[in-house]
Amino acid sequence: MADAYIIDTVRTPRGIGKVGKGALAHLHPQHLGATVLRALQERNNIKTGEVDDIIWGCATQAGKQGADLGRMSALLAGYDVKASGVTLDRFCGSGITTTAFAAGQIMSGMEDLVIAGGTDMMSYTSTLGDGKTLPLMDRDNPALREIHPQSNQGVCADAIASIEGISREATEALAVESQRRAARAISEGRFSKSLVTVYNEDGTVALDHEEFPRPQTTAESLAALKPSFAMLADLPINEDGITYRSLVNKVYPDVKIEHIHHAGNSSGVVDGSAAILLASPEYAKKQGWKPRARIVAVANMGDCPTLMLNAPVPAAKKVLEKAGLTTADIDVWEINEAFAVVAEKFIRDLNLDREKVNVNGGAMALGHPIGATGAMLIGTALDELERTGGRYGLVTMCAAGGMAPAIIIERM
């Protein structure tokens, strides 16, 4: 089987995902997608008529983010109309999955030049819907709910912490460290290789830096925050009086959920987009491109939909086995900080060196633009491997429905 090379990665800064507050919130989602696609083309002189496909991730494909965001973004970016596009949804894991699909097409010999990536503007998606629908399934589908009750993600995070005995103090310590590492990475320019400026329609700068981090965060400031999901857990979410807590307790009746997660130890609500250029060895050689990395292995794993957030550990084990590697072989780990407990459990269960995990901060400090995050993290891992001379990076993240994609890359 042929190799799939990563030629380049780009991403936007993450903007605060609130209308009226975020620097990107006034823009169309296609504008963000076009920004990274245009940057990728300009940096690498891509012959866009030879792009076999553009595989894009978006977790909320509705309204402005509907209608095949990958294809529309490419058209807006000025790509040749021959460059086709498709948009998929694996919730938070979409950006890893688009990269995996792109690599698979190349490794199978079916295609030679594919762009992967994703976009999500949470400032926009927060304005959609009536606020009554369960986030993971239709509230009027009792058949699925009977088989697999699926709760709110934050309530699930609190439930996992309660089951695992992970304290609020431990999660807040991880959150403070995430902010510290992100601030260090920004001050040292560790993101500059992949970061591209977003411009307004009139050519003025919309955003050229990370907007979400709060480097002033301390253990004391986090300890003063009220848990975000305690009240939500007990609010009726449909006419039957079902609550998010009851959905968890239907499967785990003995769990007494202690609420520990809040805005400070949960992922940030942001807007953003990212893109990755992948090519076959033959095509890269023909273009004179020097590959930055190769795809070593990819894997997908499902886990309990009720707890929802526990699949990253088995996904990491699965992709390591596929690659014939062990945890000791991985130089850079990126586990998305959807909630602090996800990263904390991941580190504990795999007995990892904390100095190799989320080295430059994570979503608690930088934010989590759902469908784009996976592609962003792959780029972050590659940049860090190049900065430090490391060889292997592993990227994984929890996804709604109780899933996790995982990918291992090797620096070249």
Protein backbone atom coordinates (compact mmCIF):
# COMPACT_ATOMS: atom_id res chain seq x y z
CA MET A 1 0.00 0.00 0.00
CA ALA A 2 1.29 3.45 -0.93
CA ASP A 3 2.13 6.15 1.58
CA ALA A 4 0.00 9.24 2.09
CA TYR A 5 2.12 12.32 2.70
CA ILE A 6 1.16 15.46 4.57
CA ILE A 7 2.55 18.33 2.53
CA ASP A 8 1.24 21.25 4.56
CA THR A 9 -1.28 22.28 7.21
CA VAL A 10 -2.94 25.64 7.81
CA ARG A 11 -5.56 26.97 10.19
CA THR A 12 -7.26 30.16 11.22
CA PRO A 13 -6.91 31.61 14.68
CA ARG A 14 -9.81 30.63 16.91
CA GLY A 15 -12.26 33.46 17.44
CA ILE A 16 -14.61 33.74 20.40
CA GLY A 17 -17.78 31.95 19.38
CA LYS A 18 -20.33 34.56 20.40
CA VAL A 19 -22.24 36.91 18.17
CA GLY A 20 -21.26 40.48 18.95
CA LYS A 21 -18.11 39.43 20.81
CA GLY A 22 -16.08 37.24 18.49
CA ALA A 23 -13.88 38.74 15.78
CA LEU A 24 -15.01 36.13 13.24
CA ALA A 25 -18.68 35.89 14.18
CA HIS A 26 -19.87 38.29 11.47
CA LEU A 27 -18.34 36.21 8.67
CA HIS A 28 -19.96 33.43 6.65
CA PRO A 29 -18.70 29.89 7.44
CA GLN A 30 -17.76 29.52 3.78
CA HIS A 31 -15.48 32.53 4.22
CA LEU A 32 -13.45 30.72 6.90
CA GLY A 33 -13.23 27.58 4.78
CA ALA A 34 -12.16 29.60 1.76
CA THR A 35 -9.51 31.36 3.84
CA VAL A 36 -7.62 28.18 4.69
CA LEU A 37 -8.11 26.64 1.25
CA ARG A 38 -6.79 29.77 -0.44
CA ALA A 39 -3.82 29.90 1.94
CA LEU A 40 -3.00 26.26 1.25
CA GLN A 41 -3.08 26.90 -2.50
CA GLU A 42 -0.93 30.01 -2.32
CA ARG A 43 1.67 28.47 0.00
CA ASN A 44 2.10 25.37 -2.16
CA ASN A 45 1.19 26.60 -5.65
CA ILE A 46 -1.47 23.91 -5.90
CA LYS A 47 -2.87 23.24 -9.36
CA THR A 48 -6.43 23.19 -8.10
CA GLY A 49 -7.77 21.54 -11.23
CA GLU A 50 -5.77 18.46 -10.19
CA VAL A 51 -7.24 18.22 -6.69
CA ASP A 52 -9.09 14.90 -6.67
CA ASP A 53 -11.32 15.78 -3.73
CA ILE A 54 -11.80 18.12 -0.81
CA ILE A 55 -13.06 16.20 2.23
CA TRP A 56 -14.45 18.59 4.82
CA GLY A 57 -15.78 18.21 8.35
CA CYS A 58 -18.64 20.13 9.92
CA ALA A 59 -20.59 19.02 12.97
CA THR A 60 -23.64 21.23 12.43
CA GLN A 61 -24.60 21.10 8.77
CA ALA A 62 -27.56 23.44 8.90
CA GLY A 63 -28.33 26.89 7.56
CA LYS A 64 -25.17 28.67 6.46
CA GLN A 65 -23.11 25.60 7.34
CA GLY A 66 -25.24 23.32 5.17
CA ALA A 67 -25.13 22.66 1.42
CA ASP A 68 -21.75 20.87 1.33
CA LEU A 69 -19.54 23.43 3.06
CA GLY A 70 -16.34 21.91 1.63
CA ARG A 71 -17.41 22.33 -1.98
CA MET A 72 -18.82 25.82 -1.48
CA SER A 73 -15.70 26.97 0.36
CA ALA A 74 -13.51 25.73 -2.49
CA LEU A 75 -15.59 27.60 -5.05
CA LEU A 76 -15.39 30.75 -2.95
CA ALA A 77 -11.62 30.29 -2.66
CA GLY A 78 -11.34 30.37 -6.45
CA TYR A 79 -10.48 26.70 -6.90
CA ASP A 80 -10.95 25.15 -10.32
CA VAL A 81 -14.46 23.74 -10.65
CA LYS A 82 -12.87 20.32 -11.30
CA ALA A 83 -11.92 20.15 -7.59
CA SER A 84 -14.85 18.28 -6.11
CA GLY A 85 -15.84 18.41 -2.44
CA VAL A 86 -17.79 16.49 0.17
CA THR A 87 -18.71 17.34 3.75
CA LEU A 88 -19.10 14.80 6.55
CA ASP A 89 -20.04 14.70 10.22
CA ARG A 90 -18.45 12.65 12.98
CA PHE A 91 -19.29 15.31 15.52
CA CYS A 92 -16.08 16.48 17.28
CA GLY A 93 -13.99 13.88 15.45
CA SER A 94 -14.84 15.16 11.98
CA GLY A 95 -11.47 16.82 11.32
CA ILE A 96 -9.53 13.64 12.09
CA THR A 97 -11.92 11.58 10.00
CA THR A 98 -11.58 13.82 6.94
CA THR A 99 -7.82 13.38 7.14
CA ALA A 100 -8.18 9.63 7.54
CA PHE A 101 -10.53 9.40 4.56
CA ALA A 102 -8.18 11.51 2.44
CA ALA A 103 -5.22 9.34 3.42
CA GLY A 104 -7.19 6.19 2.67
CA GLN A 105 -8.00 7.35 -0.84
CA ILE A 106 -4.34 8.05 -1.51
CA MET A 107 -2.98 4.92 0.15
CA SER A 108 -5.39 2.75 -1.84
CA GLY A 109 -4.14 4.27 -5.07
CA MET A 110 -7.54 5.70 -5.96
CA GLU A 111 -6.45 9.36 -5.76
CA ASP A 112 -3.24 11.39 -5.69
CA LEU A 113 -4.08 14.83 -4.33
CA VAL A 114 -6.68 15.37 -1.61
CA ILE A 115 -7.34 18.20 0.83
CA ALA A 116 -8.86 17.45 4.22
CA GLY A 117 -10.11 19.87 6.85
CA GLY A 118 -13.14 21.35 8.48
CA THR A 119 -15.02 24.42 9.66
CA ASP A 120 -17.37 25.18 12.52
CA MET A 121 -18.64 28.56 13.62
CA MET A 122 -20.15 28.08 17.05
CA SER A 123 -21.16 31.72 17.11
CA TYR A 124 -23.54 30.84 14.28
CA THR A 125 -24.67 27.38 15.35
CA SER A 126 -25.60 28.67 18.80
CA THR A 127 -28.34 30.71 17.11
CA LEU A 128 -29.92 27.64 15.50
CA GLY A 129 -32.76 25.51 16.86
CA ASP A 130 -35.40 25.96 19.51
CA GLY A 131 -33.22 24.87 22.41
CA LYS A 132 -35.48 21.92 23.23
CA THR A 133 -34.02 19.14 21.10
CA LEU A 134 -31.65 16.63 22.62
CA PRO A 135 -28.18 17.28 21.23
CA LEU A 136 -27.56 13.74 20.00
CA MET A 137 -30.91 12.34 18.92
CA ASP A 138 -34.43 13.44 18.24
CA ARG A 139 -36.37 13.82 21.47
CA ASP A 140 -39.31 12.10 19.79
CA ASN A 141 -37.38 8.88 19.09
CA PRO A 142 -38.05 6.81 22.23
CA ALA A 143 -36.89 3.62 20.50
CA LEU A 144 -33.26 4.75 20.31
CA ARG A 145 -33.47 6.39 23.71
CA GLU A 146 -34.65 3.08 25.18
CA ILE A 147 -31.64 1.24 23.73
CA HIS A 148 -28.98 3.90 24.29
CA PRO A 149 -29.91 6.86 26.50
CA GLN A 150 -27.67 9.77 25.50
CA SER A 151 -27.27 12.68 27.86
CA ASN A 152 -25.72 16.14 27.68
CA GLN A 153 -21.95 16.12 27.14
CA GLY A 154 -21.22 18.18 30.24
CA VAL A 155 -23.37 15.96 32.43
CA CYS A 156 -21.51 12.97 30.97
CA ALA A 157 -18.18 14.58 31.85
CA ASP A 158 -19.33 15.04 35.43
CA ALA A 159 -20.60 11.45 35.54
CA ILE A 160 -17.25 10.08 34.33
CA ALA A 161 -15.37 12.13 36.92
CA SER A 162 -17.69 10.75 39.61
CA ILE A 163 -17.20 7.16 38.46
CA GLU A 164 -13.42 7.52 38.12
CA GLY A 165 -12.92 9.46 41.33
CA ILE A 166 -11.30 12.39 39.50
CA SER A 167 -11.58 15.50 41.62
CA ARG A 168 -12.50 19.03 40.66
CA GLU A 169 -9.09 20.12 41.90
CA ALA A 170 -7.33 17.74 39.50
CA THR A 171 -9.33 18.95 36.51
CA GLU A 172 -8.76 22.59 37.41
CA ALA A 173 -5.02 21.99 37.77
CA LEU A 174 -5.05 20.60 34.23
CA ALA A 175 -7.01 23.64 33.03
CA VAL A 176 -4.54 26.08 34.56
CA GLU A 177 -1.68 24.18 32.96
CA SER A 178 -3.45 24.25 29.60
CA GLN A 179 -3.68 28.03 29.81
CA ARG A 180 -0.03 28.30 30.84
CA ARG A 181 1.15 26.12 27.98
CA ALA A 182 -0.99 27.94 25.43
CA ALA A 183 0.35 31.29 26.60
CA ARG A 184 3.92 30.00 26.28
CA ALA A 185 3.26 28.61 22.81
CA ILE A 186 1.77 31.91 21.65
CA SER A 187 4.58 34.00 23.10
CA GLU A 188 7.21 31.76 21.50
CA GLY A 189 5.44 31.71 18.12
CA ARG A 190 4.92 27.94 18.11
CA PHE A 191 1.68 28.26 16.15
CA SER A 192 3.00 30.70 13.55
CA LYS A 193 3.93 28.09 10.95
CA SER A 194 0.32 26.99 10.47
CA LEU A 195 -1.60 30.11 11.46
CA VAL A 196 -3.10 32.26 8.69
CA THR A 197 -4.77 35.64 9.05
CA VAL A 198 -8.50 35.96 8.39
CA TYR A 199 -9.44 39.07 6.43
CA ASN A 200 -12.79 40.79 6.13
CA GLU A 201 -14.47 41.17 2.77
CA ASP A 202 -13.00 44.68 2.46
CA GLY A 203 -9.45 43.42 3.00
CA THR A 204 -9.04 44.61 6.58
CA VAL A 205 -7.84 42.17 9.21
CA ALA A 206 -10.61 40.30 11.01
CA LEU A 207 -8.34 38.18 13.23
CA ASP A 208 -4.65 37.34 13.21
CA HIS A 209 -4.17 35.86 16.71
CA GLU A 210 -5.82 33.47 19.14
CA GLU A 211 -8.77 35.30 20.68
CA PHE A 212 -9.96 32.87 23.35
CA PRO A 213 -7.05 32.19 25.77
CA ARG A 214 -7.21 33.55 29.31
CA PRO A 215 -3.61 33.45 30.55
CA GLN A 216 -4.60 35.17 33.76
CA THR A 217 -6.44 32.01 34.87
CA THR A 218 -5.46 30.70 38.30
CA ALA A 219 -6.50 27.81 40.51
CA GLU A 220 -8.20 30.36 42.77
CA SER A 221 -10.23 31.91 39.96
CA LEU A 222 -11.40 28.51 38.74
CA ALA A 223 -12.32 27.38 42.25
CA ALA A 224 -14.70 30.34 42.49
CA LEU A 225 -16.74 29.26 39.43
CA LYS A 226 -20.05 27.49 39.84
CA PRO A 227 -20.47 24.13 38.06
CA SER A 228 -22.18 24.63 34.72
CA PHE A 229 -24.21 21.44 34.47
CA ALA A 230 -25.77 20.92 37.92
CA MET A 231 -29.00 22.79 37.16
CA LEU A 232 -29.10 21.59 33.56
CA ALA A 233 -28.92 17.98 34.69
CA ASP A 234 -32.31 18.18 36.40
CA LEU A 235 -34.30 20.30 33.97
CA PRO A 236 -37.01 18.36 32.11
CA ILE A 237 -35.96 18.11 28.48
CA ASN A 238 -39.21 16.81 27.00
CA GLU A 239 -42.88 16.38 27.78
CA ASP A 240 -42.22 13.08 29.56
CA GLY A 241 -40.16 14.80 32.24
CA ILE A 242 -36.94 13.09 31.23
CA THR A 243 -33.79 14.80 32.52
CA TYR A 244 -30.16 14.47 31.50
CA ARG A 245 -29.41 12.98 34.92
CA SER A 246 -32.09 10.34 34.50
CA LEU A 247 -30.66 9.32 31.14
CA VAL A 248 -27.30 8.58 32.77
CA ASN A 249 -28.87 6.85 35.75
CA LYS A 250 -30.97 4.61 33.54
CA VAL A 251 -27.77 2.82 32.55
CA TYR A 252 -25.70 3.64 35.65
CA PRO A 253 -28.28 3.64 38.48
CA ASP A 254 -25.73 3.69 41.29
CA VAL A 255 -23.80 6.74 40.07
CA LYS A 256 -24.25 9.87 42.15
CA ILE A 257 -23.12 12.59 39.82
CA GLU A 258 -20.94 15.24 41.45
CA HIS A 259 -20.79 18.32 39.26
CA ILE A 260 -17.28 19.67 38.77
CA HIS A 261 -17.08 21.07 35.22
CA HIS A 262 -17.56 24.72 34.33
CA ALA A 263 -16.40 27.20 31.71
CA GLY A 264 -12.83 27.10 32.99
CA ASN A 265 -12.23 23.34 32.76
CA SER A 266 -14.32 22.73 29.65
CA SER A 267 -13.50 23.43 26.01
CA GLY A 268 -14.01 26.97 24.72
CA VAL A 269 -16.82 27.94 22.36
CA VAL A 270 -15.06 29.31 19.27
CA ASP A 271 -15.09 29.75 15.49
CA GLY A 272 -12.37 28.35 13.25
CA SER A 273 -11.27 26.38 10.20
CA ALA A 274 -8.31 24.24 9.17
CA ALA A 275 -7.02 22.44 6.07
CA ILE A 276 -4.42 19.73 5.38
CA LEU A 277 -2.81 19.02 2.01
CA LEU A 278 -2.15 15.32 1.35
CA ALA A 279 -0.54 13.73 -1.69
CA SER A 280 0.84 10.46 -2.98
CA PRO A 281 4.64 10.11 -3.13
CA GLU A 282 4.54 10.17 -6.93
CA TYR A 283 2.47 13.33 -7.12
CA ALA A 284 4.55 15.07 -4.44
CA LYS A 285 7.75 14.24 -6.33
CA LYS A 286 6.28 15.53 -9.59
CA GLN A 287 5.41 18.86 -7.92
CA GLY A 288 8.76 19.13 -6.16
CA TRP A 289 7.07 19.11 -2.76
CA LYS A 290 9.01 18.04 0.30
CA PRO A 291 6.60 16.03 2.50
CA ARG A 292 6.44 17.03 6.13
CA ALA A 293 4.94 13.78 7.46
CA ARG A 294 3.31 10.54 6.47
CA ILE A 295 0.17 8.89 7.79
CA VAL A 296 1.18 5.80 9.77
CA ALA A 297 -2.18 4.44 10.91
CA VAL A 298 -5.77 5.45 11.57
CA ALA A 299 -8.46 3.85 13.70
CA ASN A 300 -12.01 4.39 14.87
CA MET A 301 -13.56 3.17 18.09
CA GLY A 302 -17.00 3.21 19.59
CA ASP A 303 -17.78 3.08 23.30
CA CYS A 304 -20.73 3.57 25.63
CA PRO A 305 -23.04 6.23 24.11
CA THR A 306 -24.49 7.04 27.53
CA LEU A 307 -21.15 8.14 29.00
CA MET A 308 -20.22 9.33 25.51
CA LEU A 309 -16.68 10.60 26.18
CA ASN A 310 -14.70 7.45 26.99
CA ALA A 311 -13.65 6.18 23.53
CA PRO A 312 -10.25 7.98 23.18
CA VAL A 313 -8.35 5.47 25.33
CA PRO A 314 -9.47 2.36 23.41
CA ALA A 315 -9.05 4.30 20.14
CA ALA A 316 -5.45 5.13 21.05
CA LYS A 317 -4.74 1.51 21.94
CA LYS A 318 -6.26 0.35 18.67
CA VAL A 319 -4.28 2.73 16.46
CA LEU A 320 -1.05 1.91 18.32
CA GLU A 321 -1.63 -1.78 17.68
CA LYS A 322 -2.30 -1.11 14.00
CA ALA A 323 0.95 0.83 13.76
CA GLY A 324 2.97 -1.74 15.71
CA LEU A 325 3.93 0.94 18.23
CA THR A 326 3.66 1.43 21.99
CA THR A 327 2.94 4.49 24.09
CA ALA A 328 6.70 4.85 24.61
CA ASP A 329 7.16 5.44 20.87
CA ILE A 330 4.90 8.50 20.76
CA ASP A 331 6.71 11.81 21.13
CA VAL A 332 3.69 14.12 20.92
CA TRP A 333 0.15 13.36 22.11
CA GLU A 334 -2.86 15.52 21.29
CA ILE A 335 -6.03 14.56 23.18
CA ASN A 336 -8.77 17.11 22.71
CA GLU A 337 -9.74 18.82 25.95
CA ALA A 338 -13.46 18.63 25.35
CA PHE A 339 -13.66 18.54 29.13
CA ALA A 340 -10.78 18.30 31.57
CA VAL A 341 -11.83 14.84 32.73
CA VAL A 342 -11.37 13.45 29.20
CA ALA A 343 -7.71 14.45 29.06
CA GLU A 344 -7.07 13.59 32.70
CA LYS A 345 -8.52 10.09 32.34
CA PHE A 346 -6.61 9.58 29.09
CA ILE A 347 -3.30 10.45 30.75
CA ARG A 348 -4.01 8.25 33.78
CA ASP A 349 -5.33 5.23 31.89
CA LEU A 350 -2.40 5.14 29.47
CA ASN A 351 0.15 6.15 32.14
CA LEU A 352 1.54 8.92 29.93
CA ASP A 353 4.29 11.42 30.54
CA ARG A 354 2.37 14.67 31.03
CA GLU A 355 5.19 16.61 29.40
CA LYS A 356 4.32 14.95 26.08
CA VAL A 357 0.54 15.53 26.21
CA ASN A 358 -1.02 18.73 24.82
CA VAL A 359 2.37 20.39 25.03
CA ASN A 360 1.06 23.69 23.69
CA GLY A 361 -2.22 23.79 25.55
CA GLY A 362 -5.57 22.45 24.48
CA ALA A 363 -9.20 23.32 23.95
CA MET A 364 -9.70 24.57 27.50
CA ALA A 365 -7.35 27.42 26.66
CA LEU A 366 -7.65 27.71 22.88
CA GLY A 367 -11.20 26.56 22.14
CA HIS A 368 -12.83 23.74 20.21
CA PRO A 369 -14.39 24.62 16.81
CA ILE A 370 -16.04 21.19 16.58
CA GLY A 371 -15.63 20.03 12.94
CA ALA A 372 -12.28 21.81 12.51
CA THR A 373 -10.52 20.78 15.71
CA GLY A 374 -9.19 17.43 14.54
CA ALA A 375 -7.41 18.95 11.55
CA MET A 376 -6.09 21.72 13.79
CA LEU A 377 -4.64 19.21 16.25
CA ILE A 378 -2.93 17.22 13.49
CA GLY A 379 -1.24 20.43 12.37
CA THR A 380 -0.31 21.32 15.94
CA ALA A 381 1.20 17.88 16.49
CA LEU A 382 3.22 18.12 13.28
CA ASP A 383 4.51 21.59 14.09
CA GLU A 384 5.60 20.35 17.52
CA LEU A 385 7.33 17.28 16.09
CA GLU A 386 9.28 19.54 13.76
CA ARG A 387 10.11 21.98 16.56
CA THR A 388 11.46 19.27 18.85
CA GLY A 389 12.76 16.71 16.35
CA GLY A 390 10.27 14.09 17.49
CA ARG A 391 9.20 11.22 15.25
CA TYR A 392 5.65 10.10 16.03
CA GLY A 393 2.54 12.03 17.00
CA LEU A 394 -0.83 10.57 18.01
CA VAL A 395 -4.04 12.60 17.83
CA THR A 396 -7.42 11.52 19.15
CA MET A 397 -10.59 12.99 20.59
CA CYS A 398 -13.97 12.02 21.96
CA ALA A 399 -16.98 12.44 19.70
CA ALA A 400 -20.68 12.46 20.43
CA GLY A 401 -22.45 9.14 20.25
CA GLY A 402 -19.61 7.53 22.19
CA MET A 403 -16.91 7.50 19.48
CA ALA A 404 -13.28 8.43 18.92
CA PRO A 405 -11.16 8.52 15.75
CA ALA A 406 -7.38 8.33 16.16
CA ILE A 407 -4.44 8.93 13.85
CA ILE A 408 -0.67 8.52 14.07
CA ILE A 409 1.66 10.62 11.93
CA GLU A 410 5.42 10.32 11.41
CA ARG A 411 7.57 13.38 10.83
CA MET A 412 9.73 13.17 7.73
